[in-house]
Amino acid sequence: MSAFHGVKQKPHGVARVISKRGFCSRSIAENLVREGRVSLRGKIVRDPDTPAYENDEIAVDGTPIEAAQKFYFAMNKPRGIVTTASDEKGRKTVMDLFREQYSKMYPGKPMPHIAPVGRLDAASEGLLLFTNDTQWADVILSPAGAKDPVPTSHIKIYRVQVAGKPSDDDLAKMEKGFNVLPRVFGESEEFMHAERAVLHSEGEKNCWLEITLSEGKNREIRRMLAHLGYEVMRLVRIQFDKYTLGDLKPGEIRAIKV
């Protein structure tokens, strides 16, 4: 009997429920439904948005789809790798890299359906989480202020190499926040701020900053520093929620406990 039995649930589209069980991506599940290969409570359905509950009887090609084992991994994403499942420009993706690393760690074992939690742009490096647990991913990515089980949720810490050396006043401005020009002409300015921005180390012509964010706005650090007149040379995420990069080498993955 399902753990959800007797608890009032909110239905979702049947394709989403299949995806949440870790069987396949939502887009693939939608195609399976449209092809008439999915049954819900014993009857074939063809609309991916047909309401279904977490504990409903669902089958694909007659085989029941149960909730999959949950997997959680961390990767040290190298620079130049894009955070997508596939790339129209033919660039290597984090999923290509994950597949290679998984096959080395678990020879002969089929890779689970898994996806990155959030993203890092191609020029950025460092900690990227992966899972097939969509509920856990939703909590990790939920907007700041939501009621989360982990106090450090939303926190992302970066080491950022910058040409030149931002002044104490510049770093204070980042913590206070300011409006940044939009990436697309015609859109509104965005308010951005860092929870913490401090000097980590410095050389003759550049320095490393440690910047903590609690939001997930697009290219936030790069845009804030560009607004202040500084060029980002490298950007490495070293912590996301309670998970840290540690000694993970570029391109490597490791299983994590949640």
C-alpha atoms as a PDB file:
ATOM      1  CA  MET A   1       0.000   0.000   0.000  1.00  0.00           C
ATOM      2  CA  SER A   2       1.276   3.472  -0.859  1.00  0.00           C
ATOM      3  CA  ALA A   3       2.638   5.747   1.858  1.00  0.00           C
ATOM      4  CA  PHE A   4       0.332   8.379   0.396  1.00  0.00           C
ATOM      5  CA  HIS A   5      -2.802   6.271   1.022  1.00  0.00           C
ATOM      6  CA  GLY A   6      -5.335   8.173   3.097  1.00  0.00           C
ATOM      7  CA  VAL A   7      -3.538  11.490   2.576  1.00  0.00           C
ATOM      8  CA  LYS A   8      -5.251  14.114   0.457  1.00  0.00           C
ATOM      9  CA  GLN A   9      -3.076  14.598  -2.599  1.00  0.00           C
ATOM     10  CA  LYS A  10      -2.957  17.094  -5.390  1.00  0.00           C
ATOM     11  CA  PRO A  11      -3.125  15.428  -8.817  1.00  0.00           C
ATOM     12  CA  HIS A  12      -0.571  16.135 -11.529  1.00  0.00           C
ATOM     13  CA  GLY A  13      -0.524  15.320 -15.223  1.00  0.00           C
ATOM     14  CA  VAL A  14       0.204  11.622 -15.749  1.00  0.00           C
ATOM     15  CA  ALA A  15       3.374  12.441 -17.725  1.00  0.00           C
ATOM     16  CA  ARG A  16       4.711  14.473 -14.816  1.00  0.00           C
ATOM     17  CA  VAL A  17       3.996  11.635 -12.368  1.00  0.00           C
ATOM     18  CA  ILE A  18       5.901   9.205 -14.621  1.00  0.00           C
ATOM     19  CA  SER A  19       8.832  11.632 -14.697  1.00  0.00           C
ATOM     20  CA  LYS A  20       8.708  12.143 -10.909  1.00  0.00           C
ATOM     21  CA  ARG A  21       9.007   8.367 -10.495  1.00  0.00           C
ATOM     22  CA  GLY A  22      12.335   8.599 -12.317  1.00  0.00           C
ATOM     23  CA  PHE A  23      11.317   6.451 -15.296  1.00  0.00           C
ATOM     24  CA  CYS A  24      12.198   9.017 -17.960  1.00  0.00           C
ATOM     25  CA  SER A  25      12.153  12.742 -18.667  1.00  0.00           C
ATOM     26  CA  ARG A  26       8.840  14.575 -18.770  1.00  0.00           C
ATOM     27  CA  SER A  27       9.086  15.209 -22.528  1.00  0.00           C
ATOM     28  CA  ILE A  28       9.665  11.498 -23.224  1.00  0.00           C
ATOM     29  CA  ALA A  29       6.773  10.610 -20.896  1.00  0.00           C
ATOM     30  CA  GLU A  30       4.510  13.002 -22.818  1.00  0.00           C
ATOM     31  CA  ASN A  31       5.408  11.226 -26.071  1.00  0.00           C
ATOM     32  CA  LEU A  32       4.744   7.799 -24.526  1.00  0.00           C
ATOM     33  CA  VAL A  33       1.287   8.958 -23.459  1.00  0.00           C
ATOM     34  CA  ARG A  34       0.457  10.405 -26.877  1.00  0.00           C
ATOM     35  CA  GLU A  35       1.564   7.130 -28.502  1.00  0.00           C
ATOM     36  CA  GLY A  36      -0.994   5.243 -26.409  1.00  0.00           C
ATOM     37  CA  ARG A  37       1.647   3.281 -24.512  1.00  0.00           C
ATOM     38  CA  VAL A  38       0.598   4.460 -21.034  1.00  0.00           C
ATOM     39  CA  SER A  39      -2.261   3.083 -18.948  1.00  0.00           C
ATOM     40  CA  LEU A  40      -3.652   4.797 -15.857  1.00  0.00           C
ATOM     41  CA  ARG A  41      -5.625   2.620 -13.443  1.00  0.00           C
ATOM     42  CA  GLY A  42      -5.853  -0.026 -16.166  1.00  0.00           C
ATOM     43  CA  LYS A  43      -7.023   2.224 -19.002  1.00  0.00           C
ATOM     44  CA  ILE A  44      -4.973   3.670 -21.867  1.00  0.00           C
ATOM     45  CA  VAL A  45      -4.688   7.472 -21.734  1.00  0.00           C
ATOM     46  CA  ARG A  46      -3.493   9.725 -24.536  1.00  0.00           C
ATOM     47  CA  ASP A  47      -3.450  13.151 -22.882  1.00  0.00           C
ATOM     48  CA  PRO A  48      -0.191  13.849 -20.963  1.00  0.00           C
ATOM     49  CA  ASP A  49      -2.121  16.177 -18.638  1.00  0.00           C
ATOM     50  CA  THR A  50      -4.640  13.504 -17.583  1.00  0.00           C
ATOM     51  CA  PRO A  51      -4.866  13.952 -13.769  1.00  0.00           C
ATOM     52  CA  ALA A  52      -2.995  11.270 -11.832  1.00  0.00           C
ATOM     53  CA  TYR A  53      -1.974  10.865  -8.202  1.00  0.00           C
ATOM     54  CA  GLU A  54       1.406   9.938  -6.738  1.00  0.00           C
ATOM     55  CA  ASN A  55       0.166   6.457  -5.755  1.00  0.00           C
ATOM     56  CA  ASP A  56      -1.845   5.738  -8.914  1.00  0.00           C
ATOM     57  CA  GLU A  57      -1.425   2.513 -10.866  1.00  0.00           C
ATOM     58  CA  ILE A  58       0.510   3.513 -13.997  1.00  0.00           C
ATOM     59  CA  ALA A  59       2.040   1.230 -16.602  1.00  0.00           C
ATOM     60  CA  VAL A  60       4.082   1.725 -19.775  1.00  0.00           C
ATOM     61  CA  ASP A  61       3.655  -0.994 -22.419  1.00  0.00           C
ATOM     62  CA  GLY A  62       1.898  -3.040 -19.749  1.00  0.00           C
ATOM     63  CA  THR A  63       4.788  -2.879 -17.260  1.00  0.00           C
ATOM     64  CA  PRO A  64       4.004  -1.109 -13.955  1.00  0.00           C
ATOM     65  CA  ILE A  65       6.071   2.013 -13.317  1.00  0.00           C
ATOM     66  CA  GLU A  66       7.159   2.157  -9.698  1.00  0.00           C
ATOM     67  CA  ALA A  67       9.059   4.933  -7.983  1.00  0.00           C
ATOM     68  CA  ALA A  68      12.715   4.543  -8.958  1.00  0.00           C
ATOM     69  CA  GLN A  69      15.630   4.329  -6.563  1.00  0.00           C
ATOM     70  CA  LYS A  70      16.784   7.841  -5.774  1.00  0.00           C
ATOM     71  CA  PHE A  71      20.255   8.896  -6.900  1.00  0.00           C
ATOM     72  CA  TYR A  72      22.243  11.958  -5.837  1.00  0.00           C
ATOM     73  CA  PHE A  73      25.589  12.975  -7.312  1.00  0.00           C
ATOM     74  CA  ALA A  74      28.009  15.904  -7.345  1.00  0.00           C
ATOM     75  CA  MET A  75      30.194  16.861 -10.306  1.00  0.00           C
ATOM     76  CA  ASN A  76      33.112  19.237 -10.650  1.00  0.00           C
ATOM     77  CA  LYS A  77      31.971  20.759 -13.936  1.00  0.00           C
ATOM     78  CA  PRO A  78      34.912  21.836 -16.095  1.00  0.00           C
ATOM     79  CA  ARG A  79      34.935  25.102 -17.998  1.00  0.00           C
ATOM     80  CA  GLY A  80      33.518  24.879 -21.528  1.00  0.00           C
ATOM     81  CA  ILE A  81      30.963  22.148 -20.776  1.00  0.00           C
ATOM     82  CA  VAL A  82      27.336  23.204 -21.247  1.00  0.00           C
ATOM     83  CA  THR A  83      24.610  22.351 -18.729  1.00  0.00           C
ATOM     84  CA  THR A  84      22.085  20.837 -21.136  1.00  0.00           C
ATOM     85  CA  ALA A  85      21.032  17.349 -22.182  1.00  0.00           C
ATOM     86  CA  SER A  86      22.048  18.042 -25.792  1.00  0.00           C
ATOM     87  CA  ASP A  87      23.583  20.983 -27.623  1.00  0.00           C
ATOM     88  CA  GLU A  88      22.622  22.245 -31.066  1.00  0.00           C
ATOM     89  CA  LYS A  89      26.205  23.431 -31.615  1.00  0.00           C
ATOM     90  CA  GLY A  90      27.597  19.973 -30.942  1.00  0.00           C
ATOM     91  CA  ARG A  91      29.407  20.979 -27.767  1.00  0.00           C
ATOM     92  CA  LYS A  92      30.047  18.469 -25.011  1.00  0.00           C
ATOM     93  CA  THR A  93      27.370  18.557 -22.296  1.00  0.00           C
ATOM     94  CA  VAL A  94      27.369  17.722 -18.603  1.00  0.00           C
ATOM     95  CA  MET A  95      25.215  14.684 -19.434  1.00  0.00           C
ATOM     96  CA  ASP A  96      27.878  13.408 -21.866  1.00  0.00           C
ATOM     97  CA  LEU A  97      30.465  13.823 -19.125  1.00  0.00           C
ATOM     98  CA  PHE A  98      28.229  12.274 -16.452  1.00  0.00           C
ATOM     99  CA  ARG A  99      27.605   9.235 -18.672  1.00  0.00           C
ATOM    100  CA  GLU A 100      31.353   8.730 -19.179  1.00  0.00           C
ATOM    101  CA  GLN A 101      32.124   9.032 -15.473  1.00  0.00           C
ATOM    102  CA  TYR A 102      29.211   6.815 -14.388  1.00  0.00           C
ATOM    103  CA  SER A 103      30.343   4.010 -16.732  1.00  0.00           C
ATOM    104  CA  LYS A 104      33.843   4.177 -15.203  1.00  0.00           C
ATOM    105  CA  MET A 105      32.481   4.026 -11.647  1.00  0.00           C
ATOM    106  CA  TYR A 106      29.869   1.342 -12.341  1.00  0.00           C
ATOM    107  CA  PRO A 107      31.036  -0.746 -15.352  1.00  0.00           C
ATOM    108  CA  GLY A 108      28.170  -2.504 -17.121  1.00  0.00           C
ATOM    109  CA  LYS A 109      25.507  -0.872 -14.951  1.00  0.00           C
ATOM    110  CA  PRO A 110      22.847   1.118 -16.848  1.00  0.00           C
ATOM    111  CA  MET A 111      22.845   4.805 -15.973  1.00  0.00           C
ATOM    112  CA  PRO A 112      19.707   5.973 -14.157  1.00  0.00           C
ATOM    113  CA  HIS A 113      17.538   8.699 -15.623  1.00  0.00           C
ATOM    114  CA  ILE A 114      19.119  11.724 -13.968  1.00  0.00           C
ATOM    115  CA  ALA A 115      19.382  15.466 -14.514  1.00  0.00           C
ATOM    116  CA  PRO A 116      21.380  18.438 -13.200  1.00  0.00           C
ATOM    117  CA  VAL A 117      19.924  20.552 -10.411  1.00  0.00           C
ATOM    118  CA  GLY A 118      19.922  24.080 -11.811  1.00  0.00           C
ATOM    119  CA  ARG A 119      22.790  25.050 -14.071  1.00  0.00           C
ATOM    120  CA  LEU A 120      26.230  26.582 -14.444  1.00  0.00           C
ATOM    121  CA  ASP A 121      26.945  28.489 -17.651  1.00  0.00           C
ATOM    122  CA  ALA A 122      29.559  27.127 -20.042  1.00  0.00           C
ATOM    123  CA  ALA A 123      32.296  29.514 -18.862  1.00  0.00           C
ATOM    124  CA  SER A 124      31.747  28.654 -15.181  1.00  0.00           C
ATOM    125  CA  GLU A 125      33.210  25.739 -13.236  1.00  0.00           C
ATOM    126  CA  GLY A 126      32.705  23.815 -10.063  1.00  0.00           C
ATOM    127  CA  LEU A 127      29.984  22.100  -8.085  1.00  0.00           C
ATOM    128  CA  LEU A 128      26.969  20.858 -10.017  1.00  0.00           C
ATOM    129  CA  LEU A 129      24.450  18.504  -8.402  1.00  0.00           C
ATOM    130  CA  PHE A 130      22.534  15.736 -10.180  1.00  0.00           C
ATOM    131  CA  THR A 131      19.484  13.705  -9.124  1.00  0.00           C
ATOM    132  CA  ASN A 132      16.379  11.870 -10.260  1.00  0.00           C
ATOM    133  CA  ASP A 133      14.548  13.046  -7.112  1.00  0.00           C
ATOM    134  CA  THR A 134      12.520  15.949  -8.487  1.00  0.00           C
ATOM    135  CA  GLN A 135      11.005  16.831  -5.111  1.00  0.00           C
ATOM    136  CA  TRP A 136      14.455  17.208  -3.546  1.00  0.00           C
ATOM    137  CA  ALA A 137      15.604  19.272  -6.533  1.00  0.00           C
ATOM    138  CA  ASP A 138      12.554  21.536  -6.182  1.00  0.00           C
ATOM    139  CA  VAL A 139      13.443  22.211  -2.521  1.00  0.00           C
ATOM    140  CA  ILE A 140      17.079  22.970  -3.379  1.00  0.00           C
ATOM    141  CA  LEU A 141      16.001  25.369  -6.128  1.00  0.00           C
ATOM    142  CA  SER A 142      13.000  26.901  -4.352  1.00  0.00           C
ATOM    143  CA  PRO A 143      13.016  30.705  -3.960  1.00  0.00           C
ATOM    144  CA  ALA A 144      14.663  32.143  -0.840  1.00  0.00           C
ATOM    145  CA  GLY A 145      12.164  32.566   1.943  1.00  0.00           C
ATOM    146  CA  ALA A 146      10.445  29.242   1.372  1.00  0.00           C
ATOM    147  CA  LYS A 147      10.183  26.883   4.334  1.00  0.00           C
ATOM    148  CA  ASP A 148      13.045  24.476   3.745  1.00  0.00           C
ATOM    149  CA  PRO A 149      14.414  21.622   5.873  1.00  0.00           C
ATOM    150  CA  VAL A 150      18.040  22.727   5.451  1.00  0.00           C
ATOM    151  CA  PRO A 151      19.077  26.154   6.855  1.00  0.00           C
ATOM    152  CA  THR A 152      21.808  26.556   4.226  1.00  0.00           C
ATOM    153  CA  SER A 153      19.381  25.946   1.373  1.00  0.00           C
ATOM    154  CA  HIS A 154      19.648  28.650  -1.327  1.00  0.00           C
ATOM    155  CA  ILE A 155      23.245  29.420  -0.373  1.00  0.00           C
ATOM    156  CA  LYS A 156      25.744  29.197  -3.204  1.00  0.00           C
ATOM    157  CA  ILE A 157      29.404  30.106  -2.620  1.00  0.00           C
ATOM    158  CA  TYR A 158      31.798  30.973  -5.446  1.00  0.00           C
ATOM    159  CA  ARG A 159      35.512  31.695  -5.796  1.00  0.00           C
ATOM    160  CA  VAL A 160      35.859  34.352  -8.473  1.00  0.00           C
ATOM    161  CA  GLN A 161      39.108  35.459 -10.134  1.00  0.00           C
ATOM    162  CA  VAL A 162      38.886  39.097 -11.180  1.00  0.00           C
ATOM    163  CA  ALA A 163      41.208  41.288 -13.219  1.00  0.00           C
ATOM    164  CA  GLY A 164      42.331  44.080 -10.895  1.00  0.00           C
ATOM    165  CA  LYS A 165      41.180  44.380  -7.296  1.00  0.00           C
ATOM    166  CA  PRO A 166      37.717  45.583  -6.268  1.00  0.00           C
ATOM    167  CA  SER A 167      37.818  48.113  -3.429  1.00  0.00           C
ATOM    168  CA  ASP A 168      36.171  47.572  -0.050  1.00  0.00           C
ATOM    169  CA  ASP A 169      33.551  50.060  -1.222  1.00  0.00           C
ATOM    170  CA  ASP A 170      32.825  47.982  -4.346  1.00  0.00           C
ATOM    171  CA  LEU A 171      32.403  44.832  -2.268  1.00  0.00           C
ATOM    172  CA  ALA A 172      30.093  46.699   0.117  1.00  0.00           C
ATOM    173  CA  LYS A 173      28.022  47.823  -2.878  1.00  0.00           C
ATOM    174  CA  MET A 174      27.640  44.192  -3.952  1.00  0.00           C
ATOM    175  CA  GLU A 175      26.372  43.258  -0.502  1.00  0.00           C
ATOM    176  CA  LYS A 176      23.974  46.202  -0.413  1.00  0.00           C
ATOM    177  CA  GLY A 177      22.785  45.527  -3.958  1.00  0.00           C
ATOM    178  CA  PHE A 178      22.064  47.639  -7.030  1.00  0.00           C
ATOM    179  CA  ASN A 179      20.172  47.577 -10.312  1.00  0.00           C
ATOM    180  CA  VAL A 180      21.940  45.892 -13.224  1.00  0.00           C
ATOM    181  CA  LEU A 181      21.248  46.461 -16.915  1.00  0.00           C
ATOM    182  CA  PRO A 182      19.169  43.740 -18.591  1.00  0.00           C
ATOM    183  CA  ARG A 183      20.800  41.113 -20.790  1.00  0.00           C
ATOM    184  CA  VAL A 184      18.167  41.679 -23.476  1.00  0.00           C
ATOM    185  CA  PHE A 185      17.503  45.194 -24.809  1.00  0.00           C
ATOM    186  CA  GLY A 186      14.099  46.485 -23.818  1.00  0.00           C
ATOM    187  CA  GLU A 187      13.738  44.432 -20.653  1.00  0.00           C
ATOM    188  CA  SER A 188      13.740  45.963 -17.169  1.00  0.00           C
ATOM    189  CA  GLU A 189      16.796  46.397 -14.970  1.00  0.00           C
ATOM    190  CA  GLU A 190      17.281  43.709 -12.323  1.00  0.00           C
ATOM    191  CA  PHE A 191      18.154  44.255  -8.680  1.00  0.00           C
ATOM    192  CA  MET A 192      21.038  42.014  -7.643  1.00  0.00           C
ATOM    193  CA  HIS A 193      22.997  41.583  -4.464  1.00  0.00           C
ATOM    194  CA  ALA A 194      25.440  39.236  -2.773  1.00  0.00           C
ATOM    195  CA  GLU A 195      24.886  37.907   0.729  1.00  0.00           C
ATOM    196  CA  ARG A 196      28.641  38.229   1.204  1.00  0.00           C
ATOM    197  CA  ALA A 197      31.494  39.508  -0.969  1.00  0.00           C
ATOM    198  CA  VAL A 198      35.045  39.419   0.435  1.00  0.00           C
ATOM    199  CA  LEU A 199      38.619  39.360  -0.826  1.00  0.00           C
ATOM    200  CA  HIS A 200      40.017  35.819  -0.642  1.00  0.00           C
ATOM    201  CA  SER A 201      43.538  36.302  -2.027  1.00  0.00           C
ATOM    202  CA  GLU A 202      45.380  38.713  -4.307  1.00  0.00           C
ATOM    203  CA  GLY A 203      48.231  38.838  -6.808  1.00  0.00           C
ATOM    204  CA  GLU A 204      49.876  41.667  -8.726  1.00  0.00           C
ATOM    205  CA  LYS A 205      47.302  41.982 -11.503  1.00  0.00           C
ATOM    206  CA  ASN A 206      44.298  40.047 -10.276  1.00  0.00           C
ATOM    207  CA  CYS A 207      42.620  38.689  -7.183  1.00  0.00           C
ATOM    208  CA  TRP A 208      40.224  36.012  -5.989  1.00  0.00           C
ATOM    209  CA  LEU A 209      36.955  36.961  -4.329  1.00  0.00           C
ATOM    210  CA  GLU A 210      34.635  34.728  -2.335  1.00  0.00           C
ATOM    211  CA  ILE A 211      31.026  35.589  -3.111  1.00  0.00           C
ATOM    212  CA  THR A 212      27.929  34.085  -1.501  1.00  0.00           C
ATOM    213  CA  LEU A 213      24.553  34.261  -3.242  1.00  0.00           C
ATOM    214  CA  SER A 214      21.068  33.332  -2.075  1.00  0.00           C
ATOM    215  CA  GLU A 215      19.363  33.831  -5.430  1.00  0.00           C
ATOM    216  CA  GLY A 216      19.739  32.244  -8.839  1.00  0.00           C
ATOM    217  CA  LYS A 217      19.560  35.073 -11.347  1.00  0.00           C
ATOM    218  CA  ASN A 218      21.173  34.558 -14.726  1.00  0.00           C
ATOM    219  CA  ARG A 219      24.941  35.290 -14.732  1.00  0.00           C
ATOM    220  CA  GLU A 220      24.451  37.288 -11.537  1.00  0.00           C
ATOM    221  CA  ILE A 221      28.073  37.551 -10.393  1.00  0.00           C
ATOM    222  CA  ARG A 222      29.438  38.370 -13.842  1.00  0.00           C
ATOM    223  CA  ARG A 223      26.819  41.074 -14.376  1.00  0.00           C
ATOM    224  CA  MET A 224      27.360  42.665 -10.958  1.00  0.00           C
ATOM    225  CA  LEU A 225      31.119  42.809 -11.402  1.00  0.00           C
ATOM    226  CA  ALA A 226      30.791  44.110 -14.980  1.00  0.00           C
ATOM    227  CA  HIS A 227      28.540  46.860 -13.620  1.00  0.00           C
ATOM    228  CA  LEU A 228      31.378  47.826 -11.277  1.00  0.00           C
ATOM    229  CA  GLY A 229      33.923  47.684 -14.123  1.00  0.00           C
ATOM    230  CA  TYR A 230      35.644  44.367 -13.394  1.00  0.00           C
ATOM    231  CA  GLU A 231      36.256  41.441 -15.732  1.00  0.00           C
ATOM    232  CA  VAL A 232      35.691  37.908 -14.409  1.00  0.00           C
ATOM    233  CA  MET A 233      38.542  35.606 -15.414  1.00  0.00           C
ATOM    234  CA  ARG A 234      37.354  32.449 -13.670  1.00  0.00           C
ATOM    235  CA  LEU A 235      34.243  31.579 -11.687  1.00  0.00           C
ATOM    236  CA  VAL A 236      34.166  28.392  -9.596  1.00  0.00           C
ATOM    237  CA  ARG A 237      31.210  27.296  -7.461  1.00  0.00           C
ATOM    238  CA  ILE A 238      32.548  25.632  -4.317  1.00  0.00           C
ATOM    239  CA  GLN A 239      29.333  25.133  -2.337  1.00  0.00           C
ATOM    240  CA  PHE A 240      25.615  24.654  -3.071  1.00  0.00           C
ATOM    241  CA  ASP A 241      23.299  24.218  -0.119  1.00  0.00           C
ATOM    242  CA  LYS A 242      25.247  22.068   2.395  1.00  0.00           C
ATOM    243  CA  TYR A 243      27.223  20.293  -0.332  1.00  0.00           C
ATOM    244  CA  THR A 244      30.815  21.286  -1.059  1.00  0.00           C
ATOM    245  CA  LEU A 245      33.184  20.725  -3.963  1.00  0.00           C
ATOM    246  CA  GLY A 246      35.904  19.339  -1.711  1.00  0.00           C
ATOM    247  CA  ASP A 247      38.744  17.567  -3.535  1.00  0.00           C
ATOM    248  CA  LEU A 248      36.640  16.477  -6.521  1.00  0.00           C
ATOM    249  CA  LYS A 249      38.787  16.826  -9.646  1.00  0.00           C
ATOM    250  CA  PRO A 250      37.468  18.586 -12.791  1.00  0.00           C
ATOM    251  CA  GLY A 251      35.142  16.272 -14.689  1.00  0.00           C
ATOM    252  CA  GLU A 252      34.760  13.764 -11.846  1.00  0.00           C
ATOM    253  CA  ILE A 253      31.535  12.779 -10.095  1.00  0.00           C
ATOM    254  CA  ARG A 254      30.800  11.276  -6.685  1.00  0.00           C
ATOM    255  CA  ALA A 255      27.661  10.002  -4.978  1.00  0.00           C
ATOM    256  CA  ILE A 256      26.406  12.229  -2.143  1.00  0.00           C
ATOM    257  CA  LYS A 257      24.168  11.595   0.849  1.00  0.00           C
ATOM    258  CA  VAL A 258      21.122  13.797   1.445  1.00  0.00           C
END
